[in-house]
């Protein structure tokens, strides 16, 4: 766990080089900490960065912010994978997804048969761990 001050210092250090706008990351972090939601899509995070903005942040800035907030030293965001088939949601590990990519099909024990069209049914979801930052 880190304090809010440590989070801001870490973000500032992460943005020392590279010419990116530190405001994007701090804005996403503030919105995550102020919300009671647990799960976010990439679009949610993109929107979070650009709420009430005069200008919009570039996707590259949002992606960099996501990577900073996912870093082990911060732990505010975690990336998870979901497979949705016939309105049934299955959690996927990164390892299961990597095996599926290599094999060309996804085989889940709970599902019972392989799916060759799995790529169109896999979603990246971000979960916020507000307990990682003490306010």
N, C-alpha and C. Protein backbone atom coordinates (compact mmCIF):
# COMPACT_ATOMS: atom_id res chain seq x y z
N UNK A 1 0.85 -1.17 0.00
CA UNK A 1 0.00 0.00 0.00
C UNK A 1 0.89 1.24 0.00
N UNK A 2 0.43 2.25 -0.74
CA UNK A 2 1.14 3.53 -0.77
C UNK A 2 0.16 4.64 -0.38
N UNK A 3 0.72 5.74 0.03
CA UNK A 3 -0.13 6.88 0.37
C UNK A 3 -0.44 7.67 -0.90
N UNK A 4 -1.40 8.55 -0.81
CA UNK A 4 -1.75 9.39 -1.95
C UNK A 4 -0.56 10.25 -2.36
N UNK A 5 0.17 10.76 -1.39
CA UNK A 5 1.37 11.55 -1.68
C UNK A 5 2.42 10.73 -2.41
N UNK A 6 2.63 9.49 -1.96
CA UNK A 6 3.59 8.61 -2.64
C UNK A 6 3.13 8.30 -4.05
N UNK A 7 1.82 8.13 -4.23
CA UNK A 7 1.29 7.88 -5.58
C UNK A 7 1.61 9.05 -6.49
N UNK A 8 1.35 10.27 -6.03
CA UNK A 8 1.63 11.44 -6.85
C UNK A 8 3.12 11.58 -7.15
N UNK A 9 3.96 11.29 -6.17
CA UNK A 9 5.42 11.33 -6.40
C UNK A 9 5.83 10.28 -7.42
N UNK A 10 5.27 9.08 -7.31
CA UNK A 10 5.60 8.01 -8.25
C UNK A 10 5.17 8.41 -9.67
N UNK A 11 3.98 8.96 -9.79
CA UNK A 11 3.49 9.40 -11.11
C UNK A 11 4.41 10.48 -11.66
N UNK A 12 4.79 11.45 -10.83
CA UNK A 12 5.69 12.52 -11.28
C UNK A 12 7.02 11.95 -11.79
N UNK A 13 7.58 10.98 -11.06
CA UNK A 13 8.84 10.36 -11.49
C UNK A 13 8.67 9.58 -12.79
N UNK A 14 7.52 8.93 -12.95
CA UNK A 14 7.27 8.14 -14.16
C UNK A 14 7.17 9.03 -15.39
N UNK A 15 6.85 10.30 -15.17
CA UNK A 15 6.65 11.23 -16.29
C UNK A 15 7.81 12.20 -16.47
N UNK A 16 8.91 12.00 -15.77
CA UNK A 16 10.05 12.92 -15.91
C UNK A 16 10.55 13.00 -17.34
N UNK A 17 10.59 11.89 -18.02
CA UNK A 17 11.11 11.84 -19.39
C UNK A 17 10.01 11.34 -20.31
N UNK A 18 10.05 11.73 -21.53
CA UNK A 18 9.11 11.19 -22.51
C UNK A 18 8.10 12.18 -23.04
N UNK A 19 8.00 13.34 -22.46
CA UNK A 19 7.13 14.37 -23.01
C UNK A 19 5.64 14.10 -22.91
N UNK A 20 5.23 13.25 -22.01
CA UNK A 20 3.81 12.96 -21.83
C UNK A 20 3.23 13.89 -20.77
N UNK A 21 1.91 14.04 -20.81
CA UNK A 21 1.22 14.93 -19.89
C UNK A 21 0.86 14.18 -18.60
N UNK A 22 1.48 14.56 -17.49
CA UNK A 22 1.27 13.92 -16.19
C UNK A 22 -0.18 14.10 -15.72
N UNK A 23 -0.84 15.12 -16.21
CA UNK A 23 -2.21 15.39 -15.81
C UNK A 23 -3.17 14.27 -16.16
N UNK A 24 -2.93 13.59 -17.25
CA UNK A 24 -3.78 12.48 -17.68
C UNK A 24 -3.78 11.38 -16.63
N UNK A 25 -2.62 10.98 -16.18
CA UNK A 25 -2.49 9.91 -15.20
C UNK A 25 -3.11 10.32 -13.87
N UNK A 26 -2.83 11.52 -13.44
CA UNK A 26 -3.36 11.99 -12.16
C UNK A 26 -4.89 12.11 -12.22
N UNK A 27 -5.41 12.47 -13.37
CA UNK A 27 -6.85 12.59 -13.51
C UNK A 27 -7.52 11.22 -13.45
N UNK A 28 -6.94 10.24 -14.15
CA UNK A 28 -7.49 8.89 -14.10
C UNK A 28 -7.42 8.35 -12.68
N UNK A 29 -6.26 8.53 -12.03
CA UNK A 29 -6.09 8.05 -10.65
C UNK A 29 -7.13 8.69 -9.72
N UNK A 30 -7.32 9.98 -9.83
CA UNK A 30 -8.28 10.68 -8.98
C UNK A 30 -9.70 10.16 -9.21
N UNK A 31 -10.05 9.94 -10.47
CA UNK A 31 -11.38 9.42 -10.79
C UNK A 31 -11.57 8.00 -10.27
N UNK A 32 -10.54 7.18 -10.36
CA UNK A 32 -10.63 5.82 -9.84
C UNK A 32 -10.80 5.83 -8.32
N UNK A 33 -10.04 6.68 -7.65
CA UNK A 33 -10.10 6.74 -6.19
C UNK A 33 -11.42 7.33 -5.69
N UNK A 34 -12.04 8.17 -6.48
CA UNK A 34 -13.30 8.80 -6.08
C UNK A 34 -14.52 7.95 -6.40
N UNK A 35 -14.35 6.94 -7.23
CA UNK A 35 -15.48 6.12 -7.67
C UNK A 35 -15.66 4.90 -6.77
N UNK A 36 -16.85 4.34 -6.80
CA UNK A 36 -17.08 3.09 -6.07
C UNK A 36 -17.17 1.90 -7.01
N UNK A 37 -16.94 2.14 -8.28
CA UNK A 37 -16.96 1.05 -9.26
C UNK A 37 -15.75 0.15 -9.07
N UNK A 38 -15.93 -1.12 -9.39
CA UNK A 38 -14.81 -2.06 -9.30
C UNK A 38 -14.19 -2.34 -10.66
N UNK A 39 -15.01 -2.42 -11.70
CA UNK A 39 -14.52 -2.81 -13.03
C UNK A 39 -14.69 -1.68 -14.04
N UNK A 40 -13.73 -1.61 -14.95
CA UNK A 40 -13.71 -0.58 -15.99
C UNK A 40 -13.28 -1.20 -17.31
N UNK A 41 -13.85 -0.68 -18.38
CA UNK A 41 -13.37 -1.05 -19.71
C UNK A 41 -12.32 -0.02 -20.11
N UNK A 42 -11.64 -0.29 -21.19
CA UNK A 42 -10.67 0.67 -21.71
C UNK A 42 -11.38 1.98 -22.03
N UNK A 43 -12.58 1.87 -22.61
CA UNK A 43 -13.37 3.05 -22.94
C UNK A 43 -13.73 3.87 -21.70
N UNK A 44 -14.01 3.19 -20.60
CA UNK A 44 -14.31 3.91 -19.34
C UNK A 44 -13.10 4.73 -18.91
N UNK A 45 -11.91 4.15 -19.01
CA UNK A 45 -10.70 4.86 -18.59
C UNK A 45 -10.40 6.01 -19.53
N UNK A 46 -10.65 5.81 -20.81
CA UNK A 46 -10.47 6.87 -21.80
C UNK A 46 -11.41 8.03 -21.49
N UNK A 47 -12.65 7.71 -21.20
CA UNK A 47 -13.63 8.73 -20.86
C UNK A 47 -13.25 9.41 -19.54
N UNK A 48 -12.78 8.65 -18.59
CA UNK A 48 -12.38 9.21 -17.30
C UNK A 48 -11.28 10.25 -17.47
N UNK A 49 -10.36 10.01 -18.38
CA UNK A 49 -9.26 10.95 -18.62
C UNK A 49 -9.76 12.22 -19.27
N UNK A 50 -10.81 12.12 -20.03
CA UNK A 50 -11.25 13.26 -20.84
C UNK A 50 -12.51 13.93 -20.34
N UNK A 51 -13.00 13.56 -19.17
CA UNK A 51 -14.16 14.24 -18.59
C UNK A 51 -13.77 15.67 -18.22
N UNK A 52 -14.60 16.60 -18.62
CA UNK A 52 -14.41 18.02 -18.29
C UNK A 52 -13.11 18.60 -18.82
N UNK A 53 -12.55 18.00 -19.85
CA UNK A 53 -11.30 18.53 -20.41
C UNK A 53 -11.61 19.57 -21.48
N UNK A 54 -10.77 20.56 -21.54
CA UNK A 54 -10.87 21.52 -22.64
C UNK A 54 -10.40 20.83 -23.91
N UNK A 55 -9.26 20.14 -23.81
CA UNK A 55 -8.75 19.33 -24.91
C UNK A 55 -8.77 17.88 -24.48
N UNK A 56 -8.54 17.01 -25.42
CA UNK A 56 -8.57 15.58 -25.09
C UNK A 56 -7.17 15.01 -25.09
N UNK A 57 -6.95 14.07 -24.17
CA UNK A 57 -5.67 13.39 -24.14
C UNK A 57 -5.60 12.38 -25.27
N UNK A 58 -4.41 12.16 -25.75
CA UNK A 58 -4.20 11.16 -26.80
C UNK A 58 -4.31 9.77 -26.19
N UNK A 59 -4.64 8.81 -27.03
CA UNK A 59 -4.72 7.43 -26.58
C UNK A 59 -3.39 6.97 -25.99
N UNK A 60 -2.29 7.43 -26.57
CA UNK A 60 -0.97 7.06 -26.06
C UNK A 60 -0.78 7.53 -24.62
N UNK A 61 -1.31 8.72 -24.32
CA UNK A 61 -1.20 9.24 -22.95
C UNK A 61 -2.03 8.41 -21.98
N UNK A 62 -3.22 8.02 -22.42
CA UNK A 62 -4.09 7.20 -21.58
C UNK A 62 -3.45 5.83 -21.36
N UNK A 63 -2.90 5.24 -22.42
CA UNK A 63 -2.26 3.94 -22.29
C UNK A 63 -1.06 4.00 -21.34
N UNK A 64 -0.27 5.05 -21.46
CA UNK A 64 0.88 5.21 -20.56
C UNK A 64 0.40 5.33 -19.12
N UNK A 65 -0.67 6.10 -18.91
CA UNK A 65 -1.23 6.26 -17.56
C UNK A 65 -1.71 4.92 -17.01
N UNK A 66 -2.36 4.13 -17.83
CA UNK A 66 -2.82 2.80 -17.41
C UNK A 66 -1.64 1.95 -16.99
N UNK A 67 -0.58 1.98 -17.78
CA UNK A 67 0.62 1.19 -17.45
C UNK A 67 1.24 1.65 -16.14
N UNK A 68 1.27 2.95 -15.89
CA UNK A 68 1.82 3.46 -14.63
C UNK A 68 0.96 2.99 -13.46
N UNK A 69 -0.37 3.09 -13.61
CA UNK A 69 -1.27 2.72 -12.52
C UNK A 69 -1.35 1.21 -12.30
N UNK A 70 -0.96 0.41 -13.31
CA UNK A 70 -0.91 -1.05 -13.18
C UNK A 70 0.42 -1.52 -12.59
N UNK A 71 1.40 -0.66 -12.54
CA UNK A 71 2.73 -1.05 -12.08
C UNK A 71 2.64 -1.66 -10.68
N UNK A 72 3.50 -2.62 -10.41
CA UNK A 72 3.51 -3.31 -9.11
C UNK A 72 3.71 -2.35 -7.95
N UNK A 73 4.42 -1.25 -8.16
CA UNK A 73 4.65 -0.28 -7.08
C UNK A 73 3.39 0.50 -6.73
N UNK A 74 2.44 0.54 -7.66
CA UNK A 74 1.20 1.29 -7.44
C UNK A 74 0.05 0.32 -7.15
N UNK A 75 -0.26 -0.54 -8.10
CA UNK A 75 -1.29 -1.56 -7.90
C UNK A 75 -2.72 -1.04 -7.87
N UNK A 76 -2.94 0.16 -8.37
CA UNK A 76 -4.29 0.72 -8.37
C UNK A 76 -5.16 0.05 -9.43
N UNK A 77 -4.57 -0.34 -10.55
CA UNK A 77 -5.29 -1.02 -11.62
C UNK A 77 -4.74 -2.41 -11.84
N UNK A 78 -5.63 -3.33 -12.14
CA UNK A 78 -5.25 -4.69 -12.52
C UNK A 78 -5.98 -5.03 -13.81
N UNK A 79 -5.28 -5.68 -14.70
CA UNK A 79 -5.85 -6.08 -15.99
C UNK A 79 -6.30 -7.52 -15.89
N UNK A 80 -7.55 -7.78 -16.25
CA UNK A 80 -8.07 -9.14 -16.23
C UNK A 80 -8.73 -9.43 -17.57
N UNK A 81 -8.93 -10.68 -17.83
CA UNK A 81 -9.50 -11.10 -19.11
C UNK A 81 -10.78 -11.88 -18.86
N UNK A 82 -11.77 -11.61 -19.71
CA UNK A 82 -13.06 -12.30 -19.63
C UNK A 82 -13.39 -12.88 -21.00
N UNK A 83 -13.95 -14.05 -20.97
CA UNK A 83 -14.45 -14.72 -22.17
C UNK A 83 -15.96 -14.81 -22.00
N UNK A 84 -16.70 -14.27 -22.96
CA UNK A 84 -18.16 -14.25 -22.87
C UNK A 84 -18.73 -15.04 -24.03
N UNK A 85 -19.46 -16.10 -23.70
CA UNK A 85 -20.07 -16.94 -24.71
C UNK A 85 -21.49 -17.28 -24.27
N UNK A 86 -22.46 -17.01 -25.13
CA UNK A 86 -23.87 -17.26 -24.81
C UNK A 86 -24.26 -16.64 -23.47
N UNK A 87 -23.83 -15.40 -23.25
CA UNK A 87 -24.14 -14.65 -22.03
C UNK A 87 -23.57 -15.26 -20.76
N UNK A 88 -22.65 -16.20 -20.88
CA UNK A 88 -21.96 -16.76 -19.73
C UNK A 88 -20.56 -16.15 -19.71
N UNK A 89 -20.16 -15.63 -18.55
CA UNK A 89 -18.86 -14.97 -18.41
C UNK A 89 -17.89 -15.91 -17.71
N UNK A 90 -16.74 -16.11 -18.33
CA UNK A 90 -15.68 -16.95 -17.76
C UNK A 90 -14.47 -16.06 -17.51
N UNK A 91 -13.85 -16.23 -16.35
CA UNK A 91 -12.58 -15.56 -16.08
C UNK A 91 -11.49 -16.30 -16.82
N UNK A 92 -10.56 -15.55 -17.41
CA UNK A 92 -9.41 -16.15 -18.09
C UNK A 92 -8.13 -15.64 -17.45
N UNK A 93 -7.18 -16.51 -17.31
CA UNK A 93 -5.86 -16.07 -16.87
C UNK A 93 -5.06 -15.69 -18.12
N UNK A 94 -4.01 -14.93 -17.92
CA UNK A 94 -3.14 -14.57 -19.03
C UNK A 94 -2.55 -15.84 -19.65
N UNK A 95 -2.22 -16.81 -18.82
CA UNK A 95 -1.65 -18.06 -19.32
C UNK A 95 -2.64 -18.80 -20.21
N UNK A 96 -3.91 -18.86 -19.79
CA UNK A 96 -4.93 -19.53 -20.61
C UNK A 96 -5.10 -18.82 -21.95
N UNK A 97 -5.06 -17.52 -21.92
CA UNK A 97 -5.20 -16.76 -23.15
C UNK A 97 -4.00 -16.96 -24.06
N UNK A 98 -2.80 -17.02 -23.49
CA UNK A 98 -1.60 -17.25 -24.30
C UNK A 98 -1.63 -18.63 -24.95
N UNK A 99 -2.06 -19.64 -24.21
CA UNK A 99 -2.17 -21.00 -24.76
C UNK A 99 -3.19 -21.01 -25.89
N UNK A 100 -4.31 -20.35 -25.70
CA UNK A 100 -5.34 -20.29 -26.73
C UNK A 100 -4.81 -19.63 -28.00
N UNK A 101 -4.04 -18.56 -27.83
CA UNK A 101 -3.48 -17.88 -28.99
C UNK A 101 -2.52 -18.80 -29.74
N UNK A 102 -1.72 -19.56 -29.01
CA UNK A 102 -0.77 -20.47 -29.63
C UNK A 102 -1.48 -21.65 -30.30
N UNK A 103 -2.52 -22.18 -29.65
CA UNK A 103 -3.24 -23.35 -30.16
C UNK A 103 -4.27 -23.00 -31.23
N UNK A 104 -4.69 -21.76 -31.28
CA UNK A 104 -5.71 -21.36 -32.24
C UNK A 104 -7.13 -21.65 -31.77
N UNK A 105 -7.28 -22.08 -30.53
CA UNK A 105 -8.61 -22.29 -29.96
C UNK A 105 -8.52 -22.22 -28.45
N UNK A 106 -9.65 -21.88 -27.85
CA UNK A 106 -9.72 -21.79 -26.41
C UNK A 106 -10.45 -23.01 -25.88
N UNK A 107 -9.80 -23.69 -24.96
CA UNK A 107 -10.42 -24.86 -24.34
C UNK A 107 -10.56 -24.60 -22.85
N UNK A 108 -11.80 -24.44 -22.42
CA UNK A 108 -12.09 -24.26 -21.00
C UNK A 108 -12.81 -25.49 -20.49
N UNK A 109 -12.35 -26.00 -19.39
CA UNK A 109 -12.95 -27.20 -18.81
C UNK A 109 -14.44 -27.00 -18.53
N UNK A 110 -14.79 -25.85 -18.00
CA UNK A 110 -16.18 -25.56 -17.67
C UNK A 110 -17.08 -25.49 -18.91
N UNK A 111 -16.50 -25.14 -20.03
CA UNK A 111 -17.27 -24.96 -21.26
C UNK A 111 -17.51 -26.30 -21.95
N UNK A 112 -16.52 -27.18 -21.91
CA UNK A 112 -16.71 -28.53 -22.41
C UNK A 112 -16.26 -28.80 -23.84
N UNK A 113 -16.05 -27.78 -24.65
CA UNK A 113 -15.57 -28.00 -26.02
C UNK A 113 -14.76 -26.77 -26.46
N UNK A 114 -13.84 -26.98 -27.41
CA UNK A 114 -12.97 -25.87 -27.83
C UNK A 114 -13.72 -24.84 -28.69
N UNK A 115 -13.26 -23.61 -28.63
CA UNK A 115 -13.83 -22.52 -29.42
C UNK A 115 -12.73 -21.91 -30.28
N UNK A 116 -12.87 -22.06 -31.58
CA UNK A 116 -11.89 -21.50 -32.51
C UNK A 116 -12.16 -20.01 -32.77
N UNK A 117 -13.35 -19.54 -32.46
CA UNK A 117 -13.72 -18.14 -32.66
C UNK A 117 -13.63 -17.36 -31.35
N UNK A 118 -12.75 -17.78 -30.46
CA UNK A 118 -12.67 -17.19 -29.13
C UNK A 118 -12.23 -15.74 -29.14
N UNK A 119 -11.43 -15.32 -30.12
CA UNK A 119 -10.87 -13.97 -30.12
C UNK A 119 -11.95 -12.90 -30.12
N UNK A 120 -13.07 -13.18 -30.74
CA UNK A 120 -14.15 -12.18 -30.78
C UNK A 120 -14.96 -12.17 -29.48
N UNK A 121 -14.62 -13.06 -28.55
CA UNK A 121 -15.38 -13.17 -27.30
C UNK A 121 -14.54 -12.89 -26.06
N UNK A 122 -13.31 -12.42 -26.26
CA UNK A 122 -12.41 -12.12 -25.15
C UNK A 122 -12.36 -10.61 -24.94
N UNK A 123 -12.50 -10.19 -23.69
CA UNK A 123 -12.51 -8.78 -23.34
C UNK A 123 -11.49 -8.51 -22.25
N UNK A 124 -10.85 -7.35 -22.35
CA UNK A 124 -9.94 -6.90 -21.31
C UNK A 124 -10.74 -6.00 -20.37
N UNK A 125 -10.67 -6.32 -19.11
CA UNK A 125 -11.37 -5.55 -18.09
C UNK A 125 -10.33 -5.09 -17.07
N UNK A 126 -10.48 -3.89 -16.61
CA UNK A 126 -9.58 -3.36 -15.59
C UNK A 126 -10.34 -3.31 -14.27
N UNK A 127 -9.70 -3.76 -13.22
CA UNK A 127 -10.31 -3.66 -11.90
C UNK A 127 -9.48 -2.67 -11.07
N UNK A 128 -10.20 -1.88 -10.30
CA UNK A 128 -9.55 -0.88 -9.45
C UNK A 128 -9.41 -1.42 -8.05
N UNK A 129 -8.22 -1.31 -7.51
CA UNK A 129 -7.95 -1.73 -6.13
C UNK A 129 -7.64 -0.49 -5.31
N UNK A 130 -8.70 0.18 -4.85
CA UNK A 130 -8.53 1.41 -4.10
C UNK A 130 -7.81 1.18 -2.77
N UNK A 131 -7.81 -0.05 -2.27
CA UNK A 131 -7.11 -0.35 -1.02
C UNK A 131 -5.60 -0.25 -1.20
N UNK A 132 -5.12 -0.20 -2.44
CA UNK A 132 -3.69 -0.07 -2.71
C UNK A 132 -3.16 1.33 -2.37
N UNK A 133 -4.08 2.29 -2.25
CA UNK A 133 -3.70 3.67 -1.97
C UNK A 133 -4.43 4.14 -0.70
N UNK A 134 -3.66 4.51 0.31
CA UNK A 134 -4.31 5.02 1.51
C UNK A 134 -4.49 6.52 1.37
N UNK A 135 -5.70 6.93 1.61
CA UNK A 135 -6.02 8.35 1.49
C UNK A 135 -5.78 8.98 2.82
